[in-house]
């Protein structure tokens, strides 16, 4: 099984983004979708899952960043329009580790892949 992990960071104040809702959906070659996991990041902003990765599958990780920032009740000078961060990717090696850190702000984000 592949290992997928993520570390969510609050780009406003540099803290770990704890208890952020996340889903992982498998997208089959024919376009069918299957929910793999629905969870929240831990108190350190991390989530790690083992995933059975069939050939040619793609994945979609959705992060509920809008709800997270709305719950913080930060002072705002404008609107918050980003409700969700959606990252689509594949995991071609079924035994590899895939780590996708994300720095989140109310209206932007940055993500990358590392092993």
N, C-alpha and C. Protein backbone atom coordinates (compact mmCIF):
# COMPACT_ATOMS: atom_id res chain seq x y z
N UNK A 1 0.82 -1.19 0.00
CA UNK A 1 0.00 0.00 0.00
C UNK A 1 0.87 1.25 0.00
N UNK A 2 0.39 2.26 -0.69
CA UNK A 2 1.06 3.56 -0.68
C UNK A 2 0.69 4.29 0.61
N UNK A 3 1.56 5.17 1.04
CA UNK A 3 1.28 6.02 2.20
C UNK A 3 1.14 7.44 1.70
N UNK A 4 0.01 8.05 2.01
CA UNK A 4 -0.24 9.45 1.69
C UNK A 4 -0.26 10.23 2.99
N UNK A 5 0.49 11.31 3.03
CA UNK A 5 0.46 12.18 4.21
C UNK A 5 0.40 13.63 3.76
N UNK A 6 -0.09 14.46 4.67
CA UNK A 6 -0.15 15.89 4.42
C UNK A 6 0.11 16.61 5.72
N UNK A 7 0.64 17.80 5.62
CA UNK A 7 0.85 18.68 6.77
C UNK A 7 0.28 20.03 6.39
N UNK A 8 -0.74 20.45 7.10
CA UNK A 8 -1.41 21.72 6.81
C UNK A 8 -0.87 22.80 7.74
N UNK A 9 -0.47 23.91 7.13
CA UNK A 9 0.08 25.03 7.90
C UNK A 9 -0.75 26.28 7.66
N UNK A 10 -0.99 27.03 8.71
CA UNK A 10 -1.74 28.28 8.63
C UNK A 10 -0.77 29.36 8.16
N UNK A 11 -0.97 29.85 6.95
CA UNK A 11 -0.08 30.86 6.38
C UNK A 11 -0.28 32.25 6.96
N UNK A 12 -1.32 32.47 7.75
CA UNK A 12 -1.56 33.77 8.36
C UNK A 12 -0.67 33.97 9.57
N UNK A 13 -0.60 32.93 10.43
CA UNK A 13 0.18 33.09 11.66
C UNK A 13 1.28 32.04 11.84
N UNK A 14 1.45 31.16 10.85
CA UNK A 14 2.54 30.20 10.90
C UNK A 14 2.32 28.99 11.79
N UNK A 15 1.10 28.80 12.28
CA UNK A 15 0.82 27.65 13.14
C UNK A 15 0.39 26.44 12.33
N UNK A 16 0.31 25.30 13.01
CA UNK A 16 -0.23 24.09 12.39
C UNK A 16 -1.74 24.26 12.27
N UNK A 17 -2.30 23.86 11.15
CA UNK A 17 -3.75 23.98 10.94
C UNK A 17 -4.43 22.71 11.45
N UNK A 18 -4.91 22.77 12.67
CA UNK A 18 -5.49 21.61 13.34
C UNK A 18 -6.97 21.46 13.05
N UNK A 19 -7.40 20.21 13.02
CA UNK A 19 -8.82 19.86 12.89
C UNK A 19 -9.47 20.41 11.62
N UNK A 20 -8.73 20.37 10.52
CA UNK A 20 -9.24 20.81 9.23
C UNK A 20 -9.84 19.60 8.52
N UNK A 21 -11.07 19.70 8.05
CA UNK A 21 -11.72 18.61 7.34
C UNK A 21 -11.05 18.33 6.01
N UNK A 22 -10.86 17.04 5.72
CA UNK A 22 -10.21 16.63 4.47
C UNK A 22 -10.90 15.37 3.95
N UNK A 23 -11.01 15.28 2.63
CA UNK A 23 -11.48 14.04 2.01
C UNK A 23 -10.49 13.61 0.95
N UNK A 24 -10.40 12.31 0.74
CA UNK A 24 -9.60 11.75 -0.35
C UNK A 24 -10.54 10.90 -1.18
N UNK A 25 -10.62 11.21 -2.47
CA UNK A 25 -11.49 10.50 -3.40
C UNK A 25 -10.64 9.87 -4.49
N UNK A 26 -10.92 8.59 -4.81
CA UNK A 26 -10.25 7.91 -5.91
C UNK A 26 -11.07 8.14 -7.17
N UNK A 27 -10.40 8.54 -8.25
CA UNK A 27 -11.05 8.75 -9.54
C UNK A 27 -10.56 7.65 -10.48
N UNK A 28 -11.45 6.74 -10.85
CA UNK A 28 -11.09 5.61 -11.70
C UNK A 28 -10.87 6.06 -13.14
N UNK A 29 -10.27 5.18 -13.93
CA UNK A 29 -9.99 5.49 -15.34
C UNK A 29 -11.27 5.84 -16.10
N UNK A 30 -12.40 5.25 -15.71
CA UNK A 30 -13.67 5.55 -16.39
C UNK A 30 -14.38 6.78 -15.82
N UNK A 31 -13.73 7.47 -14.87
CA UNK A 31 -14.30 8.68 -14.29
C UNK A 31 -15.11 8.45 -13.02
N UNK A 32 -15.33 7.18 -12.67
CA UNK A 32 -16.07 6.88 -11.44
C UNK A 32 -15.30 7.37 -10.22
N UNK A 33 -16.05 7.75 -9.19
CA UNK A 33 -15.43 8.31 -7.98
C UNK A 33 -15.79 7.44 -6.78
N UNK A 34 -14.79 7.27 -5.90
CA UNK A 34 -14.98 6.49 -4.68
C UNK A 34 -14.31 7.22 -3.52
N UNK A 35 -15.08 7.49 -2.48
CA UNK A 35 -14.52 8.14 -1.29
C UNK A 35 -13.61 7.15 -0.59
N UNK A 36 -12.36 7.54 -0.39
CA UNK A 36 -11.38 6.68 0.29
C UNK A 36 -11.35 6.99 1.78
N UNK A 37 -11.36 8.27 2.12
CA UNK A 37 -11.33 8.67 3.53
C UNK A 37 -11.94 10.06 3.69
N UNK A 38 -12.57 10.24 4.83
CA UNK A 38 -13.04 11.55 5.26
C UNK A 38 -12.54 11.69 6.69
N UNK A 39 -11.73 12.70 6.95
CA UNK A 39 -11.09 12.83 8.26
C UNK A 39 -10.75 14.29 8.52
N UNK A 40 -10.13 14.53 9.66
CA UNK A 40 -9.63 15.86 10.00
C UNK A 40 -8.15 15.75 10.31
N UNK A 41 -7.44 16.83 10.05
CA UNK A 41 -6.03 16.87 10.43
C UNK A 41 -5.94 16.80 11.95
N UNK A 42 -4.84 16.26 12.45
CA UNK A 42 -4.67 16.17 13.90
C UNK A 42 -4.27 17.53 14.47
N UNK A 43 -3.99 17.58 15.76
CA UNK A 43 -3.67 18.87 16.39
C UNK A 43 -2.37 19.47 15.87
N UNK A 44 -1.53 18.65 15.23
CA UNK A 44 -0.31 19.15 14.61
C UNK A 44 -0.48 19.46 13.14
N UNK A 45 -1.74 19.44 12.64
CA UNK A 45 -2.03 19.75 11.24
C UNK A 45 -1.69 18.62 10.29
N UNK A 46 -1.54 17.40 10.79
CA UNK A 46 -1.09 16.28 9.95
C UNK A 46 -2.19 15.24 9.76
N UNK A 47 -2.08 14.55 8.63
CA UNK A 47 -2.94 13.41 8.32
C UNK A 47 -2.09 12.41 7.55
N UNK A 48 -2.15 11.14 7.95
CA UNK A 48 -1.44 10.07 7.27
C UNK A 48 -2.39 8.91 7.08
N UNK A 49 -2.48 8.39 5.84
CA UNK A 49 -3.33 7.23 5.54
C UNK A 49 -2.58 6.28 4.61
N UNK A 50 -2.89 5.00 4.74
CA UNK A 50 -2.41 3.99 3.80
C UNK A 50 -3.49 3.80 2.76
N UNK A 51 -3.09 3.76 1.49
CA UNK A 51 -4.05 3.72 0.39
C UNK A 51 -3.70 2.58 -0.57
N UNK A 52 -4.67 1.72 -0.84
CA UNK A 52 -4.52 0.70 -1.88
C UNK A 52 -4.67 1.42 -3.22
N UNK A 53 -3.63 1.39 -4.04
CA UNK A 53 -3.62 2.20 -5.27
C UNK A 53 -3.72 1.32 -6.52
N UNK A 54 -4.92 1.16 -7.07
CA UNK A 54 -5.06 0.41 -8.32
C UNK A 54 -4.38 1.13 -9.49
N UNK A 55 -4.02 0.40 -10.50
CA UNK A 55 -3.36 0.98 -11.69
C UNK A 55 -4.27 2.03 -12.32
N UNK A 56 -3.65 3.09 -12.80
CA UNK A 56 -4.32 4.18 -13.52
C UNK A 56 -5.28 5.01 -12.68
N UNK A 57 -5.26 4.86 -11.38
CA UNK A 57 -6.16 5.65 -10.54
C UNK A 57 -5.57 7.04 -10.33
N UNK A 58 -6.46 7.99 -10.24
CA UNK A 58 -6.09 9.35 -9.86
C UNK A 58 -6.81 9.66 -8.56
N UNK A 59 -6.34 10.69 -7.88
CA UNK A 59 -6.91 11.03 -6.58
C UNK A 59 -7.20 12.51 -6.50
N UNK A 60 -8.15 12.84 -5.63
CA UNK A 60 -8.50 14.22 -5.36
C UNK A 60 -8.54 14.39 -3.85
N UNK A 61 -7.71 15.27 -3.34
CA UNK A 61 -7.71 15.61 -1.92
C UNK A 61 -8.38 16.97 -1.79
N UNK A 62 -9.45 17.03 -1.03
CA UNK A 62 -10.17 18.28 -0.82
C UNK A 62 -10.00 18.70 0.64
N UNK A 63 -9.60 19.93 0.84
CA UNK A 63 -9.30 20.47 2.17
C UNK A 63 -10.28 21.61 2.45
N UNK A 64 -10.99 21.52 3.55
CA UNK A 64 -12.02 22.51 3.90
C UNK A 64 -11.37 23.74 4.55
N UNK A 65 -10.60 24.46 3.76
CA UNK A 65 -9.88 25.62 4.27
C UNK A 65 -10.82 26.77 4.63
N UNK A 66 -11.89 26.95 3.88
CA UNK A 66 -12.83 28.04 4.16
C UNK A 66 -13.44 27.92 5.54
N UNK A 67 -13.92 26.73 5.88
CA UNK A 67 -14.53 26.52 7.20
C UNK A 67 -13.50 26.71 8.31
N UNK A 68 -12.27 26.28 8.06
CA UNK A 68 -11.20 26.44 9.05
C UNK A 68 -10.97 27.92 9.35
N UNK A 69 -10.79 28.73 8.31
CA UNK A 69 -10.51 30.15 8.53
C UNK A 69 -11.73 30.90 9.07
N UNK A 70 -12.92 30.52 8.65
CA UNK A 70 -14.12 31.18 9.20
C UNK A 70 -14.25 30.92 10.69
N UNK A 71 -13.89 29.72 11.14
CA UNK A 71 -13.97 29.38 12.56
C UNK A 71 -12.95 30.17 13.40
N UNK A 72 -11.84 30.59 12.78
CA UNK A 72 -10.83 31.37 13.50
C UNK A 72 -11.26 32.80 13.79
N UNK A 73 -12.23 33.28 13.04
CA UNK A 73 -12.74 34.65 13.21
C UNK A 73 -11.62 35.69 13.17
N UNK A 74 -10.79 35.58 12.14
CA UNK A 74 -9.70 36.53 11.95
C UNK A 74 -10.24 37.89 11.51
N UNK A 75 -9.58 38.99 11.87
CA UNK A 75 -10.00 40.29 11.31
C UNK A 75 -9.77 40.28 9.80
N UNK A 76 -10.71 40.80 9.05
CA UNK A 76 -10.62 40.77 7.60
C UNK A 76 -10.73 42.17 7.02
N UNK A 77 -10.01 42.39 5.95
CA UNK A 77 -10.14 43.65 5.23
C UNK A 77 -10.93 43.46 3.94
N UNK A 78 -11.23 42.23 3.60
CA UNK A 78 -11.98 41.93 2.39
C UNK A 78 -12.70 40.60 2.53
N UNK A 79 -13.26 40.14 1.43
CA UNK A 79 -14.02 38.89 1.43
C UNK A 79 -13.09 37.68 1.44
N UNK A 80 -13.60 36.60 1.96
CA UNK A 80 -12.94 35.30 1.82
C UNK A 80 -13.72 34.54 0.77
N UNK A 81 -13.09 34.20 -0.35
CA UNK A 81 -13.82 33.52 -1.42
C UNK A 81 -13.38 32.07 -1.64
N UNK A 82 -12.22 31.68 -1.10
CA UNK A 82 -11.76 30.31 -1.28
C UNK A 82 -12.42 29.45 -0.21
N UNK A 83 -13.25 28.51 -0.64
CA UNK A 83 -13.97 27.63 0.29
C UNK A 83 -13.26 26.31 0.50
N UNK A 84 -12.53 25.87 -0.52
CA UNK A 84 -11.93 24.55 -0.50
C UNK A 84 -10.66 24.55 -1.34
N UNK A 85 -9.70 23.78 -0.90
CA UNK A 85 -8.49 23.55 -1.69
C UNK A 85 -8.63 22.15 -2.27
N UNK A 86 -8.53 22.03 -3.58
CA UNK A 86 -8.65 20.72 -4.23
C UNK A 86 -7.36 20.44 -4.98
N UNK A 87 -6.75 19.31 -4.65
CA UNK A 87 -5.50 18.91 -5.27
C UNK A 87 -5.72 17.55 -5.93
N UNK A 88 -5.47 17.48 -7.24
CA UNK A 88 -5.62 16.21 -7.98
C UNK A 88 -4.24 15.68 -8.33
N UNK A 89 -4.04 14.39 -8.12
CA UNK A 89 -2.72 13.79 -8.30
C UNK A 89 -2.86 12.30 -8.53
N UNK A 90 -1.74 11.67 -8.85
CA UNK A 90 -1.70 10.21 -8.98
C UNK A 90 -0.63 9.67 -8.04
N UNK A 91 -0.70 8.38 -7.78
CA UNK A 91 0.31 7.71 -6.97
C UNK A 91 0.76 6.48 -7.75
N UNK A 92 1.66 6.66 -8.73
CA UNK A 92 2.01 5.58 -9.66
C UNK A 92 2.73 4.40 -9.02
N UNK A 93 3.46 4.60 -7.95
CA UNK A 93 4.15 3.50 -7.28
C UNK A 93 3.31 3.07 -6.08
N UNK A 94 2.71 1.87 -6.12
CA UNK A 94 1.80 1.46 -5.05
C UNK A 94 2.48 1.20 -3.71
N UNK A 95 3.80 1.27 -3.66
CA UNK A 95 4.52 1.06 -2.40
C UNK A 95 5.22 2.32 -1.90
N UNK A 96 5.06 3.42 -2.58
CA UNK A 96 5.80 4.65 -2.24
C UNK A 96 5.08 5.46 -1.17
N UNK A 97 5.80 6.45 -0.67
CA UNK A 97 5.26 7.42 0.28
C UNK A 97 5.09 8.74 -0.48
N UNK A 98 3.92 9.32 -0.37
CA UNK A 98 3.60 10.59 -1.02
C UNK A 98 3.22 11.58 0.07
N UNK A 99 3.99 12.66 0.18
CA UNK A 99 3.74 13.67 1.20
C UNK A 99 3.41 14.99 0.50
N UNK A 100 2.24 15.55 0.80
CA UNK A 100 1.78 16.78 0.16
C UNK A 100 1.51 17.84 1.25
N UNK A 101 2.53 18.64 1.58
CA UNK A 101 2.31 19.74 2.53
C UNK A 101 1.55 20.88 1.86
N UNK A 102 0.77 21.60 2.66
CA UNK A 102 -0.02 22.71 2.14
C UNK A 102 0.08 23.88 3.13
N UNK A 103 0.46 25.04 2.62
CA UNK A 103 0.40 26.28 3.40
C UNK A 103 -0.88 26.99 2.96
N UNK A 104 -1.78 27.22 3.90
CA UNK A 104 -3.10 27.78 3.59
C UNK A 104 -3.24 29.19 4.13
N UNK A 105 -3.89 30.03 3.36
CA UNK A 105 -4.31 31.36 3.79
C UNK A 105 -5.78 31.49 3.39
N UNK A 106 -6.50 32.51 3.87
CA UNK A 106 -7.92 32.60 3.56
C UNK A 106 -8.24 32.61 2.06
N UNK A 107 -7.38 33.18 1.22
CA UNK A 107 -7.68 33.24 -0.21
C UNK A 107 -6.55 32.72 -1.10
N UNK A 108 -5.67 31.93 -0.53
CA UNK A 108 -4.59 31.36 -1.35
C UNK A 108 -4.01 30.14 -0.66
N UNK A 109 -3.20 29.43 -1.41
CA UNK A 109 -2.50 28.28 -0.83
C UNK A 109 -1.29 27.95 -1.69
N UNK A 110 -0.40 27.18 -1.11
CA UNK A 110 0.77 26.67 -1.82
C UNK A 110 0.93 25.22 -1.41
N UNK A 111 1.17 24.35 -2.38
CA UNK A 111 1.38 22.94 -2.06
C UNK A 111 2.53 22.40 -2.92
N UNK A 112 3.09 21.32 -2.48
CA UNK A 112 4.16 20.67 -3.22
C UNK A 112 4.18 19.21 -2.84
N UNK A 113 4.97 18.43 -3.52
CA UNK A 113 5.10 17.00 -3.24
C UNK A 113 6.50 16.73 -2.76
N UNK A 114 6.63 15.92 -1.74
CA UNK A 114 7.92 15.45 -1.29
C UNK A 114 7.77 14.01 -0.83
N UNK A 115 8.88 13.32 -0.69
CA UNK A 115 8.82 11.92 -0.26
C UNK A 115 8.98 11.82 1.23
